[in-house]
Protein backbone atom coordinates (compact mmCIF):
# COMPACT_ATOMS: atom_id res chain seq x y z
CA MET A 1 6.06 10.63 17.05
CA ARG A 2 3.91 8.61 19.40
CA LEU A 3 1.41 6.64 17.34
CA LYS A 4 -1.51 4.43 18.30
CA ILE A 5 -2.26 1.75 15.71
CA ARG A 6 -5.25 -0.53 15.36
CA HIS A 7 -5.40 -3.09 12.55
CA ARG A 8 -8.52 -5.22 12.22
CA THR A 9 -9.01 -8.01 9.64
CA GLU A 10 -12.34 -9.80 9.34
CA TYR A 11 -13.27 -12.75 7.13
CA ARG A 12 -16.80 -13.95 6.37
CA TYR A 13 -17.64 -17.11 4.42
CA GLU A 14 -20.67 -18.38 2.50
CA THR A 15 -20.45 -21.84 4.07
CA PRO A 16 -18.60 -23.12 7.14
CA VAL A 17 -14.83 -23.39 6.93
CA ARG A 18 -13.88 -26.90 8.07
CA TYR A 19 -10.18 -26.36 8.69
CA SER A 20 -7.73 -23.48 8.35
CA ILE A 21 -4.19 -22.40 9.15
CA GLN A 22 -3.39 -18.69 9.54
CA GLU A 23 0.09 -17.19 9.59
CA LEU A 24 0.46 -13.66 10.96
CA ARG A 25 3.30 -11.15 10.78
CA LEU A 26 1.56 -8.40 12.69
CA THR A 27 4.10 -7.63 15.42
CA PRO A 28 6.43 -4.70 14.68
CA PRO A 29 10.00 -5.05 15.95
CA SER A 30 11.73 -2.58 18.23
CA LEU A 31 14.76 -1.27 16.35
CA ILE A 32 16.40 1.98 15.34
CA GLY A 33 13.66 4.42 14.36
CA GLN A 34 10.84 2.70 16.25
CA GLU A 35 10.24 1.56 19.80
CA ILE A 36 7.25 -0.61 20.66
CA HIS A 37 5.65 0.35 23.98
CA LYS A 38 2.49 -1.74 23.87
CA TRP A 39 1.42 -4.35 21.34
CA LYS A 40 -1.16 -7.11 21.30
CA VAL A 41 -2.33 -9.50 18.60
CA SER A 42 -5.78 -11.00 19.22
CA THR A 43 -6.81 -14.22 17.46
CA PRO A 44 -9.89 -16.48 17.69
CA ILE A 45 -7.85 -19.20 19.37
CA LYS A 46 -4.42 -19.29 20.95
CA ALA A 47 -1.57 -18.82 18.49
CA THR A 48 1.97 -20.14 18.73
CA SER A 49 4.77 -17.63 18.25
CA SER A 50 8.13 -18.09 16.57
CA ILE A 51 10.82 -16.13 14.71
CA ASP A 52 11.01 -16.80 10.98
CA THR A 53 14.03 -16.89 8.66
CA PHE A 54 14.03 -13.11 8.27
CA GLY A 55 13.74 -12.37 11.99
CA ASN A 56 10.02 -11.51 11.90
CA VAL A 57 7.70 -12.48 14.74
CA CYS A 58 5.35 -15.07 13.25
CA ASN A 59 2.11 -16.16 14.95
CA VAL A 60 0.34 -19.28 13.70
CA PHE A 61 -3.02 -20.73 14.71
CA VAL A 62 -5.02 -23.69 13.43
CA GLN A 63 -8.82 -23.88 13.55
CA GLU A 64 -10.32 -27.35 13.33
CA SER A 65 -13.88 -26.50 14.36
CA PRO A 66 -16.27 -25.15 11.67
CA TYR A 67 -16.76 -21.37 11.51
CA THR A 68 -18.26 -18.79 9.13
CA SER A 69 -16.45 -15.66 10.33
CA MET A 70 -13.07 -14.84 11.82
CA MET A 71 -11.58 -11.70 13.36
CA ILE A 72 -7.90 -10.89 13.79
CA GLU A 73 -6.83 -7.69 15.50
CA ALA A 74 -3.48 -6.08 16.25
CA GLU A 75 -3.12 -2.89 18.25
CA GLY A 76 -0.58 -0.96 20.24
CA GLU A 77 1.61 2.10 20.59
CA VAL A 78 4.82 2.85 18.75
CA TYR A 79 7.31 5.69 19.21
CA THR A 80 8.95 6.62 15.92
CA GLN A 81 11.74 8.90 14.76
CA ASP A 82 13.50 9.52 11.48
CA ALA A 83 15.74 6.59 10.54
CA PHE A 84 16.36 4.98 7.18
CA GLU A 85 19.49 2.87 7.70
CA PHE A 86 19.49 -0.55 9.36
CA LYS A 87 22.26 -2.98 10.21
CA ASP A 88 21.66 -6.72 10.28
CA ASP A 89 22.97 -8.92 13.04
CA ALA A 90 25.23 -11.90 12.38
CA LYS A 91 22.33 -14.37 12.15
CA SER A 92 20.45 -12.48 9.43
CA VAL A 93 19.77 -13.83 5.96
CA SER A 94 22.69 -13.21 3.61
CA PRO A 95 22.23 -10.21 1.30
CA TYR A 96 23.24 -12.49 -1.58
CA TYR A 97 20.08 -14.56 -1.02
CA LEU A 98 18.11 -11.39 -1.68
CA LEU A 99 19.51 -11.12 -5.19
CA GLN A 100 17.14 -13.92 -6.21
CA GLN A 101 14.00 -12.95 -8.09
CA THR A 102 10.58 -14.37 -7.23
CA HIS A 103 7.47 -14.89 -9.34
CA LEU A 104 6.14 -11.56 -8.06
CA THR A 105 9.31 -9.55 -8.77
CA GLU A 106 10.76 -11.04 -11.97
CA PRO A 107 11.16 -8.23 -14.55
CA ASN A 108 10.48 -8.92 -18.23
CA GLU A 109 12.46 -7.61 -21.18
CA GLU A 110 10.10 -4.67 -21.70
CA MET A 111 10.63 -3.51 -18.12
CA LEU A 112 14.39 -3.79 -18.34
CA GLU A 113 14.44 -1.92 -21.63
CA TYR A 114 12.17 0.87 -20.40
CA PHE A 115 14.19 1.46 -17.21
CA ALA A 116 17.61 0.84 -18.81
CA TYR A 117 18.80 4.42 -18.29
CA SER A 118 17.47 4.56 -14.71
CA LEU A 119 19.01 1.33 -13.44
CA PRO A 120 21.60 2.04 -10.73
CA LYS A 121 25.18 1.20 -11.62
CA LYS A 122 26.04 0.80 -7.93
CA ASN A 123 24.21 0.57 -4.62
CA SER A 124 24.37 4.28 -3.74
CA VAL A 125 21.41 6.20 -2.30
CA ASP A 126 21.49 8.83 -5.06
CA GLN A 127 21.32 6.28 -7.86
CA VAL A 128 18.65 4.13 -6.21
CA LEU A 129 16.47 7.17 -5.52
CA LYS A 130 16.62 8.08 -9.22
CA LEU A 131 15.12 4.67 -9.99
CA THR A 132 12.30 5.23 -7.46
CA GLU A 133 11.46 8.51 -9.19
CA ALA A 134 11.32 6.75 -12.58
CA ILE A 135 8.98 4.08 -11.20
CA GLN A 136 6.77 6.60 -9.43
CA GLY A 137 6.56 8.69 -12.60
CA LEU A 138 5.37 5.73 -14.68
CA ILE A 139 3.19 3.62 -12.37
CA ALA A 140 0.15 5.65 -11.33
CA TYR A 141 -1.11 5.01 -7.80
CA SER A 142 -4.52 3.42 -8.51
CA PRO A 143 -6.16 1.38 -5.71
CA GLY A 144 -8.35 -1.46 -6.90
CA GLN A 145 -6.52 -2.12 -10.16
CA THR A 146 -4.23 -4.85 -8.78
CA ASN A 147 -4.25 -7.44 -5.99
CA PHE A 148 -1.82 -9.46 -3.87
CA ALA A 149 -1.10 -11.85 -6.75
CA THR A 150 -0.28 -9.15 -9.34
CA THR A 151 3.29 -9.44 -10.58
CA ALA A 152 5.73 -6.63 -11.26
CA ALA A 153 5.47 -7.29 -15.00
CA GLN A 154 1.67 -7.12 -14.91
CA SER A 155 1.66 -3.84 -12.97
CA PHE A 156 4.23 -2.44 -15.42
CA ALA A 157 2.01 -3.42 -18.36
CA MET A 158 -1.00 -1.67 -16.78
CA LYS A 159 1.07 1.37 -15.77
CA SER A 160 -0.86 1.38 -12.49
CA GLY A 161 -0.78 -0.20 -9.06
CA VAL A 162 -0.34 0.48 -5.35
CA CYS A 163 2.60 0.53 -2.96
CA GLN A 164 2.93 -3.26 -3.09
CA ASP A 165 3.30 -3.11 -6.89
CA HIS A 166 5.79 -0.23 -6.68
CA ALA A 167 7.83 -2.33 -4.25
CA HIS A 168 7.77 -5.44 -6.46
CA ILE A 169 8.90 -3.47 -9.53
CA MET A 170 11.67 -1.85 -7.50
CA LEU A 171 12.81 -5.21 -6.10
CA GLY A 172 12.95 -6.72 -9.56
CA LEU A 173 14.99 -3.87 -11.01
CA CYS A 174 17.38 -3.65 -8.05
CA ARG A 175 18.06 -7.38 -8.20
CA ALA A 176 18.52 -7.16 -11.98
CA SER A 177 21.15 -4.49 -11.23
CA ASN A 178 22.93 -6.91 -8.85
CA ILE A 179 21.77 -4.98 -5.77
CA PRO A 180 20.29 -7.12 -2.95
CA ALA A 181 16.84 -5.86 -1.99
CA ARG A 182 14.04 -6.99 0.30
CA TYR A 183 10.33 -6.23 0.70
CA VAL A 184 9.12 -4.35 3.78
CA SER A 185 5.52 -4.47 4.96
CA GLY A 186 4.29 -1.88 7.43
CA TYR A 187 2.17 1.16 8.12
CA PHE A 188 2.34 4.78 7.04
CA PHE A 189 0.98 7.67 9.07
CA ALA A 190 -0.61 10.41 7.00
CA GLU A 191 -3.79 12.02 8.30
CA GLU A 192 -4.62 13.30 4.82
CA SER A 193 -4.19 9.88 3.15
CA PRO A 194 -5.82 7.18 5.32
CA ASN A 195 -5.83 4.73 2.38
CA LEU A 196 -2.03 4.56 2.68
CA ALA A 197 -2.16 3.33 6.30
CA SER A 198 -1.23 -0.15 5.10
CA HIS A 199 2.01 0.37 3.25
CA ALA A 200 5.00 -1.33 1.64
CA TRP A 201 8.48 -0.24 0.60
CA ILE A 202 11.92 -1.82 0.14
CA ASP A 203 15.35 -2.04 1.73
CA PHE A 204 18.37 -2.22 -0.54
CA CYS A 205 21.76 -3.36 0.70
CA SER A 206 24.01 -0.30 0.68
CA ASP A 207 26.98 -2.14 2.24
CA ILE A 208 27.03 -5.90 1.64
CA ASP A 209 30.14 -6.57 3.77
CA LYS A 210 28.71 -4.81 6.82
CA GLY A 211 25.08 -5.85 6.30
CA VAL A 212 23.80 -2.29 6.09
CA TRP A 213 20.42 -1.67 4.44
CA THR A 214 18.79 1.59 3.37
CA SER A 215 14.99 1.93 3.29
CA VAL A 216 13.31 3.61 0.32
CA ASP A 217 9.60 4.39 -0.10
CA ILE A 218 8.91 4.07 -3.83
CA THR A 219 5.35 5.42 -3.65
CA HIS A 220 6.65 8.70 -2.23
CA ALA A 221 10.09 8.52 -3.91
CA CYS A 222 11.93 9.20 -0.64
CA LEU A 223 13.91 7.63 2.15
CA ILE A 224 11.64 6.44 4.95
CA ASP A 225 11.13 8.61 8.04
CA ALA A 226 9.15 8.81 11.29
CA ARG A 227 5.87 8.28 9.40
CA HIS A 228 6.85 4.69 8.56
CA ILE A 229 6.31 1.74 10.92
CA ARG A 230 8.02 -1.53 9.94
CA LEU A 231 6.17 -4.82 10.44
CA ALA A 232 8.08 -7.50 8.55
CA ILE A 233 10.62 -8.10 5.80
CA GLY A 234 10.90 -10.80 3.14
CA ARG A 235 11.68 -11.61 -0.48
CA ASP A 236 8.33 -10.21 -1.65
CA TYR A 237 4.79 -9.54 -0.45
CA TYR A 238 4.00 -13.20 0.07
CA SER A 239 6.88 -13.90 2.46
CA ALA A 240 6.21 -10.74 4.50
CA ALA A 241 2.38 -10.63 4.34
CA PRO A 242 0.73 -9.42 7.58
CA VAL A 243 -1.99 -12.08 7.27
CA LYS A 244 -2.08 -15.18 5.06
CA GLY A 245 -3.53 -18.63 5.31
CA VAL A 246 -5.07 -21.70 3.72
CA ARG A 247 -8.49 -23.22 4.34
CA SER A 248 -10.74 -26.11 3.50
CA GLY A 249 -14.37 -25.25 2.82
CA GLY A 250 -16.03 -21.87 3.25
CA GLY A 251 -17.07 -21.22 -0.35
CA GLY A 252 -16.97 -17.53 -1.25
CA GLU A 253 -14.94 -15.22 0.99
CA GLU A 254 -15.60 -11.63 2.01
CA LEU A 255 -12.62 -9.80 3.50
CA SER A 256 -12.73 -6.45 5.24
CA ALA A 257 -9.69 -4.76 6.74
CA SER A 258 -9.42 -1.47 8.58
CA ILE A 259 -6.38 0.33 9.93
CA SER A 260 -6.42 3.43 12.06
CA ILE A 261 -3.32 5.37 13.09
CA GLN A 262 -3.59 8.24 15.56
CA GLN A 263 -0.87 10.56 16.76
CA LEU A 264 -0.83 10.80 20.53
CA PRO A 265 0.40 13.80 22.53
């Protein structure tokens, strides 16, 4: 598919922000399954670009002059095709590092007990997909019930969440099963479900020796396909977040984000 994507993030503040640092992972990579033809990230001031530990393009900008609103926009065209298996290069983070839990993914005893019969005994696609079905069947997709700081254990307790929560629960359970897994932030094209345009899923390591990873969409309980556009990978949401930052001043914050994805002929 040929997709045109536009992702706009706007912040408004009650009082002037005196100083801020923003870190963006809004540039999708060209790899198997997706080819980037045009892409531009627009920021209020010039950003510096680097490659982070996980191989993501990371743009950082610092604002030292007071402001009360800020706009960040990413847009471009991506060609996608069905692909769900990815092979790391020699410089990639070791799969063993991605066995470590984080605050957002750590499962509690109740989670482990509930999913005991669904936990994969090995890193095979069939067994991991059975776990996604168990998570999807329990955690109702309910926008507005959770936020970026909600942990896997909290979402499990509420029995509700969004794709980010599904991914954190899946990461926690895969890692508890000794299967390396990483968070994937991205986009999802579905004309009938525009609220899913911003999306998240996971990769699990299906061959540790060869560095092969398989991508699974927990929200849809399936392997990813041409509808998925990868942005960044990390240990959890926080390390792969499209936009994050810190600020001094500003008081209350109002955030609005909009994403549009159109299929082009």
